[in-house]
Amino acid sequence: MFTKQDYRDYFATLQNAERQMIKCAYKILSEVSDADVRNALNNLRNDELRHLGLVKELFAILEQK
């Protein structure tokens, strides 16, 4: 069974991964001009931003418990 600290550690790992993905997407977007690739990267970035928001929600839920 996970302890509260185990959850914090896991959520922190997820948070870091999502932030890294967002940074990578922004970096690549600044270097790519192909519209189809940019569209796909924008979609990917938007998903990662949504994921980061979900991780923040998980942290909030954990702190309520």
Protein backbone atom coordinates (compact mmCIF):
# COMPACT_ATOMS: atom_id res chain seq x y z
CA MET A 1 0.00 0.00 0.00
CA PHE A 2 1.20 3.49 -0.82
CA THR A 3 1.89 5.92 1.98
CA LYS A 4 1.04 9.59 1.66
CA GLN A 5 4.74 10.28 1.02
CA ASP A 6 4.83 7.59 -1.69
CA TYR A 7 1.98 9.39 -3.44
CA ARG A 8 3.76 12.74 -3.10
CA ASP A 9 6.93 11.25 -4.58
CA TYR A 10 5.03 9.63 -7.45
CA PHE A 11 3.06 12.80 -8.22
CA ALA A 12 6.29 14.83 -8.12
CA THR A 13 7.83 12.44 -10.65
CA LEU A 14 4.77 12.83 -12.90
CA GLN A 15 4.87 16.60 -12.49
CA ASN A 16 8.51 16.72 -13.52
CA ALA A 17 7.89 14.50 -16.57
CA GLU A 18 4.98 16.68 -17.71
CA ARG A 19 7.01 19.86 -17.28
CA GLN A 20 9.87 18.38 -19.30
CA MET A 21 7.49 17.36 -22.09
CA ILE A 22 6.02 20.87 -22.17
CA LYS A 23 9.50 22.42 -22.38
CA CYS A 24 10.47 20.05 -25.21
CA ALA A 25 7.30 20.82 -27.15
CA TYR A 26 7.86 24.58 -26.83
CA LYS A 27 11.49 24.21 -27.90
CA ILE A 28 10.64 22.15 -30.96
CA LEU A 29 7.76 24.48 -31.84
CA SER A 30 10.21 27.36 -31.94
CA GLU A 31 12.35 25.49 -34.47
CA VAL A 32 9.76 23.90 -36.79
CA SER A 33 7.93 25.65 -39.58
CA ASP A 34 5.97 22.75 -41.08
CA ALA A 35 2.31 23.46 -40.35
CA ASP A 36 1.32 19.80 -39.92
CA VAL A 37 4.15 19.14 -37.48
CA ARG A 38 3.38 22.36 -35.60
CA ASN A 39 -0.28 21.37 -35.33
CA ALA A 40 0.62 17.94 -33.93
CA LEU A 41 3.10 19.51 -31.49
CA ASN A 42 0.51 22.04 -30.38
CA ASN A 43 -1.88 19.19 -29.68
CA LEU A 44 0.83 17.33 -27.77
CA ARG A 45 1.71 20.44 -25.75
CA ASN A 46 -1.94 21.04 -24.93
CA ASP A 47 -2.28 17.45 -23.71
CA GLU A 48 0.81 17.84 -21.53
CA LEU A 49 -0.54 21.09 -20.08
CA ARG A 50 -3.79 19.27 -19.29
CA HIS A 51 -1.83 16.41 -17.70
CA LEU A 52 0.10 18.88 -15.56
CA GLY A 53 -3.21 20.31 -14.38
CA LEU A 54 -4.39 16.81 -13.46
CA VAL A 55 -1.25 16.20 -11.44
CA LYS A 56 -1.89 19.45 -9.57
CA GLU A 57 -5.41 18.19 -8.85
CA LEU A 58 -3.97 14.95 -7.50
CA PHE A 59 -1.68 16.90 -5.17
CA ALA A 60 -4.67 18.92 -3.95
CA ILE A 61 -6.73 15.79 -3.32
CA LEU A 62 -3.84 14.20 -1.44
CA GLU A 63 -3.50 17.25 0.81
CA GLN A 64 -7.21 17.08 1.68
CA LYS A 65 -6.83 13.53 2.99
